[in-house]
Amino acid sequence: MERNAQNGNSQMSDRDTLFLLGGAAFVLFGAGLLLSTDTVKRYLGQVGVGDLVQATMPDVDKYLKLRSM
């Protein structure tokens, strides 16, 4: 990979930017395909996003307490 150095900062080339944006587009497209299936919609409807947030909050609180030590 060739990078241009200007003022001590390296910049991404146009090719690297194209690969980065293309990869992000593939990830979004794949996630859209997965989330559009009926089975996944049914499972997500059963679980509920609010339940997931409430279940993870004690772990997040514990992590933040440990990190602040």
PDB file of N, CA and C in Angstrom:
ATOM      1  N   MET A   1       0.833  -1.179   0.000  1.00  0.00           N
ATOM      2  CA  MET A   1       0.000   0.000   0.000  1.00  0.00           C
ATOM      3  C   MET A   1       0.881   1.247   0.000  1.00  0.00           C
ATOM      4  N   GLU A   2       0.545   2.133  -0.825  1.00  0.00           N
ATOM      5  CA  GLU A   2       1.310   3.362  -0.915  1.00  0.00           C
ATOM      6  C   GLU A   2       0.532   4.480  -0.244  1.00  0.00           C
ATOM      7  N   ARG A   3       1.196   5.179   0.643  1.00  0.00           N
ATOM      8  CA  ARG A   3       0.552   6.286   1.342  1.00  0.00           C
ATOM      9  C   ARG A   3       1.364   7.549   1.111  1.00  0.00           C
ATOM     10  N   ASN A   4       0.682   8.630   0.942  1.00  0.00           N
ATOM     11  CA  ASN A   4       1.338   9.917   0.755  1.00  0.00           C
ATOM     12  C   ASN A   4       1.536  10.573   2.104  1.00  0.00           C
ATOM     13  N   ALA A   5       2.751  11.070   2.357  1.00  0.00           N
ATOM     14  CA  ALA A   5       3.037  11.740   3.625  1.00  0.00           C
ATOM     15  C   ALA A   5       3.114  13.236   3.387  1.00  0.00           C
ATOM     16  N   GLN A   6       2.258  13.965   4.090  1.00  0.00           N
ATOM     17  CA  GLN A   6       2.270  15.425   4.001  1.00  0.00           C
ATOM     18  C   GLN A   6       2.172  15.975   5.411  1.00  0.00           C
ATOM     19  N   ASN A   7       3.152  16.806   5.785  1.00  0.00           N
ATOM     20  CA  ASN A   7       3.186  17.422   7.110  1.00  0.00           C
ATOM     21  C   ASN A   7       3.206  16.381   8.224  1.00  0.00           C
ATOM     22  N   GLY A   8       3.817  15.239   8.001  1.00  0.00           N
ATOM     23  CA  GLY A   8       3.906  14.208   9.020  1.00  0.00           C
ATOM     24  C   GLY A   8       2.665  13.358   9.169  1.00  0.00           C
ATOM     25  N   ASN A   9       1.623  13.632   8.430  1.00  0.00           N
ATOM     26  CA  ASN A   9       0.383  12.855   8.503  1.00  0.00           C
ATOM     27  C   ASN A   9       0.265  11.997   7.258  1.00  0.00           C
ATOM     28  N   SER A  10      -0.119  10.744   7.432  1.00  0.00           N
ATOM     29  CA  SER A  10      -0.325   9.890   6.266  1.00  0.00           C
ATOM     30  C   SER A  10      -1.789   9.969   5.844  1.00  0.00           C
ATOM     31  N   GLN A  11      -2.010  10.023   4.554  1.00  0.00           N
ATOM     32  CA  GLN A  11      -3.366  10.097   4.028  1.00  0.00           C
ATOM     33  C   GLN A  11      -3.689   8.811   3.277  1.00  0.00           C
ATOM     34  N   MET A  12      -4.942   8.425   3.328  1.00  0.00           N
ATOM     35  CA  MET A  12      -5.361   7.245   2.594  1.00  0.00           C
ATOM     36  C   MET A  12      -5.459   7.585   1.122  1.00  0.00           C
ATOM     37  N   SER A  13      -5.089   6.638   0.302  1.00  0.00           N
ATOM     38  CA  SER A  13      -5.214   6.861  -1.131  1.00  0.00           C
ATOM     39  C   SER A  13      -6.678   6.675  -1.546  1.00  0.00           C
ATOM     40  N   ASP A  14      -6.975   7.072  -2.750  1.00  0.00           N
ATOM     41  CA  ASP A  14      -8.341   6.921  -3.262  1.00  0.00           C
ATOM     42  C   ASP A  14      -8.745   5.458  -3.315  1.00  0.00           C
ATOM     43  N   ARG A  15      -7.794   4.592  -3.621  1.00  0.00           N
ATOM     44  CA  ARG A  15      -8.082   3.160  -3.713  1.00  0.00           C
ATOM     45  C   ARG A  15      -8.464   2.600  -2.341  1.00  0.00           C
ATOM     46  N   ASP A  16      -7.720   3.012  -1.297  1.00  0.00           N
ATOM     47  CA  ASP A  16      -8.035   2.553   0.055  1.00  0.00           C
ATOM     48  C   ASP A  16      -9.414   3.033   0.496  1.00  0.00           C
ATOM     49  N   THR A  17      -9.735   4.264   0.149  1.00  0.00           N
ATOM     50  CA  THR A  17     -11.047   4.813   0.491  1.00  0.00           C
ATOM     51  C   THR A  17     -12.152   4.049  -0.216  1.00  0.00           C
ATOM     52  N   LEU A  18     -11.924   3.713  -1.474  1.00  0.00           N
ATOM     53  CA  LEU A  18     -12.906   2.941  -2.236  1.00  0.00           C
ATOM     54  C   LEU A  18     -13.129   1.575  -1.607  1.00  0.00           C
ATOM     55  N   PHE A  19     -12.053   0.905  -1.194  1.00  0.00           N
ATOM     56  CA  PHE A  19     -12.185  -0.403  -0.548  1.00  0.00           C
ATOM     57  C   PHE A  19     -12.930  -0.283   0.779  1.00  0.00           C
ATOM     58  N   LEU A  20     -12.637   0.749   1.548  1.00  0.00           N
ATOM     59  CA  LEU A  20     -13.299   0.956   2.829  1.00  0.00           C
ATOM     60  C   LEU A  20     -14.795   1.178   2.651  1.00  0.00           C
ATOM     61  N   LEU A  21     -15.164   2.055   1.746  1.00  0.00           N
ATOM     62  CA  LEU A  21     -16.584   2.340   1.518  1.00  0.00           C
ATOM     63  C   LEU A  21     -17.302   1.155   0.882  1.00  0.00           C
ATOM     64  N   GLY A  22     -16.609   0.433  -0.004  1.00  0.00           N
ATOM     65  CA  GLY A  22     -17.211  -0.762  -0.597  1.00  0.00           C
ATOM     66  C   GLY A  22     -17.473  -1.832   0.444  1.00  0.00           C
ATOM     67  N   GLY A  23     -16.533  -2.021   1.372  1.00  0.00           N
ATOM     68  CA  GLY A  23     -16.731  -2.998   2.446  1.00  0.00           C
ATOM     69  C   GLY A  23     -17.882  -2.611   3.354  1.00  0.00           C
ATOM     70  N   ALA A  24     -17.970  -1.324   3.679  1.00  0.00           N
ATOM     71  CA  ALA A  24     -19.084  -0.862   4.516  1.00  0.00           C
ATOM     72  C   ALA A  24     -20.420  -1.074   3.807  1.00  0.00           C
ATOM     73  N   ALA A  25     -20.448  -0.853   2.495  1.00  0.00           N
ATOM     74  CA  ALA A  25     -21.684  -1.064   1.732  1.00  0.00           C
ATOM     75  C   ALA A  25     -22.084  -2.534   1.746  1.00  0.00           C
ATOM     76  N   PHE A  26     -21.102  -3.433   1.617  1.00  0.00           N
ATOM     77  CA  PHE A  26     -21.411  -4.867   1.666  1.00  0.00           C
ATOM     78  C   PHE A  26     -21.937  -5.278   3.031  1.00  0.00           C
ATOM     79  N   VAL A  27     -21.382  -4.722   4.099  1.00  0.00           N
ATOM     80  CA  VAL A  27     -21.852  -5.049   5.444  1.00  0.00           C
ATOM     81  C   VAL A  27     -23.294  -4.589   5.623  1.00  0.00           C
ATOM     82  N   LEU A  28     -23.592  -3.370   5.208  1.00  0.00           N
ATOM     83  CA  LEU A  28     -24.967  -2.865   5.332  1.00  0.00           C
ATOM     84  C   LEU A  28     -25.943  -3.665   4.482  1.00  0.00           C
ATOM     85  N   PHE A  29     -25.524  -4.021   3.282  1.00  0.00           N
ATOM     86  CA  PHE A  29     -26.391  -4.815   2.404  1.00  0.00           C
ATOM     87  C   PHE A  29     -26.654  -6.192   3.007  1.00  0.00           C
ATOM     88  N   GLY A  30     -25.611  -6.827   3.541  1.00  0.00           N
ATOM     89  CA  GLY A  30     -25.774  -8.143   4.163  1.00  0.00           C
ATOM     90  C   GLY A  30     -26.654  -8.083   5.393  1.00  0.00           C
ATOM     91  N   ALA A  31     -26.481  -7.045   6.214  1.00  0.00           N
ATOM     92  CA  ALA A  31     -27.329  -6.903   7.402  1.00  0.00           C
ATOM     93  C   ALA A  31     -28.782  -6.681   6.989  1.00  0.00           C
ATOM     94  N   GLY A  32     -28.995  -5.925   5.932  1.00  0.00           N
ATOM     95  CA  GLY A  32     -30.355  -5.707   5.445  1.00  0.00           C
ATOM     96  C   GLY A  32     -30.996  -6.986   4.956  1.00  0.00           C
ATOM     97  N   LEU A  33     -30.202  -7.821   4.268  1.00  0.00           N
ATOM     98  CA  LEU A  33     -30.738  -9.105   3.812  1.00  0.00           C
ATOM     99  C   LEU A  33     -31.100 -10.005   4.985  1.00  0.00           C
ATOM    100  N   LEU A  34     -30.238 -10.043   5.997  1.00  0.00           N
ATOM    101  CA  LEU A  34     -30.524 -10.883   7.158  1.00  0.00           C
ATOM    102  C   LEU A  34     -31.745 -10.387   7.916  1.00  0.00           C
ATOM    103  N   LEU A  35     -31.836  -9.082   8.118  1.00  0.00           N
ATOM    104  CA  LEU A  35     -32.945  -8.537   8.905  1.00  0.00           C
ATOM    105  C   LEU A  35     -34.271  -8.567   8.168  1.00  0.00           C
ATOM    106  N   SER A  36     -34.243  -8.782   6.861  1.00  0.00           N
ATOM    107  CA  SER A  36     -35.490  -8.803   6.108  1.00  0.00           C
ATOM    108  C   SER A  36     -36.141 -10.189   6.075  1.00  0.00           C
ATOM    109  N   THR A  37     -35.469 -11.222   6.580  1.00  0.00           N
ATOM    110  CA  THR A  37     -36.070 -12.554   6.570  1.00  0.00           C
ATOM    111  C   THR A  37     -37.127 -12.667   7.655  1.00  0.00           C
ATOM    112  N   ASP A  38     -38.131 -13.480   7.412  1.00  0.00           N
ATOM    113  CA  ASP A  38     -39.255 -13.621   8.344  1.00  0.00           C
ATOM    114  C   ASP A  38     -38.820 -14.239   9.675  1.00  0.00           C
ATOM    115  N   THR A  39     -37.889 -15.196   9.632  1.00  0.00           N
ATOM    116  CA  THR A  39     -37.447 -15.853  10.862  1.00  0.00           C
ATOM    117  C   THR A  39     -36.762 -14.865  11.789  1.00  0.00           C
ATOM    118  N   VAL A  40     -35.889 -14.042  11.247  1.00  0.00           N
ATOM    119  CA  VAL A  40     -35.177 -13.063  12.066  1.00  0.00           C
ATOM    120  C   VAL A  40     -36.139 -12.016  12.607  1.00  0.00           C
ATOM    121  N   LYS A  41     -37.097 -11.592  11.788  1.00  0.00           N
ATOM    122  CA  LYS A  41     -38.090 -10.623  12.260  1.00  0.00           C
ATOM    123  C   LYS A  41     -38.890 -11.196  13.420  1.00  0.00           C
ATOM    124  N   ARG A  42     -39.230 -12.463  13.332  1.00  0.00           N
ATOM    125  CA  ARG A  42     -40.004 -13.110  14.395  1.00  0.00           C
ATOM    126  C   ARG A  42     -39.199 -13.178  15.689  1.00  0.00           C
ATOM    127  N   TYR A  43     -37.917 -13.575  15.596  1.00  0.00           N
ATOM    128  CA  TYR A  43     -37.077 -13.650  16.793  1.00  0.00           C
ATOM    129  C   TYR A  43     -36.851 -12.279  17.408  1.00  0.00           C
ATOM    130  N   LEU A  44     -36.622 -11.277  16.590  1.00  0.00           N
ATOM    131  CA  LEU A  44     -36.431  -9.929  17.121  1.00  0.00           C
ATOM    132  C   LEU A  44     -37.709  -9.398  17.761  1.00  0.00           C
ATOM    133  N   GLY A  45     -38.859  -9.776  17.219  1.00  0.00           N
ATOM    134  CA  GLY A  45     -40.127  -9.363  17.807  1.00  0.00           C
ATOM    135  C   GLY A  45     -40.374 -10.010  19.149  1.00  0.00           C
ATOM    136  N   GLN A  46     -39.909 -11.259  19.318  1.00  0.00           N
ATOM    137  CA  GLN A  46     -40.097 -11.959  20.584  1.00  0.00           C
ATOM    138  C   GLN A  46     -39.178 -11.421  21.673  1.00  0.00           C
ATOM    139  N   VAL A  47     -37.947 -11.104  21.304  1.00  0.00           N
ATOM    140  CA  VAL A  47     -36.959 -10.685  22.296  1.00  0.00           C
ATOM    141  C   VAL A  47     -37.247  -9.272  22.766  1.00  0.00           C
ATOM    142  N   GLY A  48     -37.405  -8.355  21.857  1.00  0.00           N
ATOM    143  CA  GLY A  48     -37.652  -6.967  22.214  1.00  0.00           C
ATOM    144  C   GLY A  48     -36.369  -6.241  22.568  1.00  0.00           C
ATOM    145  N   VAL A  49     -36.216  -5.052  22.056  1.00  0.00           N
ATOM    146  CA  VAL A  49     -34.995  -4.283  22.271  1.00  0.00           C
ATOM    147  C   VAL A  49     -34.925  -3.762  23.705  1.00  0.00           C
ATOM    148  N   GLY A  50     -36.050  -3.379  24.273  1.00  0.00           N
ATOM    149  CA  GLY A  50     -36.065  -2.882  25.645  1.00  0.00           C
ATOM    150  C   GLY A  50     -35.599  -3.925  26.639  1.00  0.00           C
ATOM    151  N   ASP A  51     -35.971  -5.174  26.418  1.00  0.00           N
ATOM    152  CA  ASP A  51     -35.528  -6.253  27.300  1.00  0.00           C
ATOM    153  C   ASP A  51     -34.023  -6.438  27.226  1.00  0.00           C
ATOM    154  N   LEU A  52     -33.460  -6.318  26.025  1.00  0.00           N
ATOM    155  CA  LEU A  52     -32.023  -6.467  25.872  1.00  0.00           C
ATOM    156  C   LEU A  52     -31.267  -5.351  26.587  1.00  0.00           C
ATOM    157  N   VAL A  53     -31.773  -4.141  26.506  1.00  0.00           N
ATOM    158  CA  VAL A  53     -31.118  -3.013  27.158  1.00  0.00           C
ATOM    159  C   VAL A  53     -31.166  -3.190  28.674  1.00  0.00           C
ATOM    160  N   GLN A  54     -32.306  -3.587  29.205  1.00  0.00           N
ATOM    161  CA  GLN A  54     -32.429  -3.790  30.649  1.00  0.00           C
ATOM    162  C   GLN A  54     -31.538  -4.924  31.125  1.00  0.00           C
ATOM    163  N   ALA A  55     -31.360  -5.943  30.307  1.00  0.00           N
ATOM    164  CA  ALA A  55     -30.525  -7.078  30.697  1.00  0.00           C
ATOM    165  C   ALA A  55     -29.049  -6.727  30.691  1.00  0.00           C
ATOM    166  N   THR A  56     -28.636  -5.822  29.842  1.00  0.00           N
ATOM    167  CA  THR A  56     -27.210  -5.491  29.748  1.00  0.00           C
ATOM    168  C   THR A  56     -26.789  -4.350  30.663  1.00  0.00           C
ATOM    169  N   MET A  57     -27.702  -3.583  31.187  1.00  0.00           N
ATOM    170  CA  MET A  57     -27.329  -2.428  32.020  1.00  0.00           C
ATOM    171  C   MET A  57     -26.520  -2.806  33.258  1.00  0.00           C
ATOM    172  N   PRO A  58     -26.835  -3.873  34.015  1.00  0.00           N
ATOM    173  CA  PRO A  58     -25.985  -4.216  35.168  1.00  0.00           C
ATOM    174  C   PRO A  58     -24.541  -4.515  34.755  1.00  0.00           C
ATOM    175  N   ASP A  59     -24.352  -5.173  33.626  1.00  0.00           N
ATOM    176  CA  ASP A  59     -23.000  -5.471  33.165  1.00  0.00           C
ATOM    177  C   ASP A  59     -22.264  -4.207  32.755  1.00  0.00           C
ATOM    178  N   VAL A  60     -22.952  -3.281  32.126  1.00  0.00           N
ATOM    179  CA  VAL A  60     -22.325  -2.016  31.724  1.00  0.00           C
ATOM    180  C   VAL A  60     -21.945  -1.213  32.965  1.00  0.00           C
ATOM    181  N   ASP A  61     -22.813  -1.176  33.954  1.00  0.00           N
ATOM    182  CA  ASP A  61     -22.502  -0.465  35.193  1.00  0.00           C
ATOM    183  C   ASP A  61     -21.278  -1.064  35.875  1.00  0.00           C
ATOM    184  N   LYS A  62     -21.209  -2.388  35.931  1.00  0.00           N
ATOM    185  CA  LYS A  62     -20.074  -3.065  36.544  1.00  0.00           C
ATOM    186  C   LYS A  62     -18.784  -2.743  35.779  1.00  0.00           C
ATOM    187  N   TYR A  63     -18.849  -2.750  34.463  1.00  0.00           N
ATOM    188  CA  TYR A  63     -17.681  -2.424  33.649  1.00  0.00           C
ATOM    189  C   TYR A  63     -17.205  -0.995  33.896  1.00  0.00           C
ATOM    190  N   LEU A  64     -18.133  -0.053  33.959  1.00  0.00           N
ATOM    191  CA  LEU A  64     -17.748   1.336  34.182  1.00  0.00           C
ATOM    192  C   LEU A  64     -17.142   1.537  35.569  1.00  0.00           C
ATOM    193  N   LYS A  65     -17.651   0.817  36.576  1.00  0.00           N
ATOM    194  CA  LYS A  65     -17.067   0.903  37.919  1.00  0.00           C
ATOM    195  C   LYS A  65     -15.650   0.351  37.940  1.00  0.00           C
ATOM    196  N   LEU A  66     -15.438  -0.801  37.270  1.00  0.00           N
ATOM    197  CA  LEU A  66     -14.103  -1.382  37.219  1.00  0.00           C
ATOM    198  C   LEU A  66     -13.138  -0.494  36.450  1.00  0.00           C
ATOM    199  N   ARG A  67     -13.610   0.140  35.427  1.00  0.00           N
ATOM    200  CA  ARG A  67     -12.753   0.984  34.613  1.00  0.00           C
ATOM    201  C   ARG A  67     -12.337   2.241  35.369  1.00  0.00           C
ATOM    202  N   SER A  68     -13.200   2.745  36.233  1.00  0.00           N
ATOM    203  CA  SER A  68     -12.889   3.969  36.957  1.00  0.00           C
ATOM    204  C   SER A  68     -11.911   3.745  38.104  1.00  0.00           C
ATOM    205  N   MET A  69     -11.653   2.490  38.467  1.00  0.00           N
ATOM    206  CA  MET A  69     -10.717   2.206  39.574  1.00  0.00           C
ATOM    207  C   MET A  69      -9.288   2.518  39.188  1.00  0.00           C
TER     208      MET A  69
END
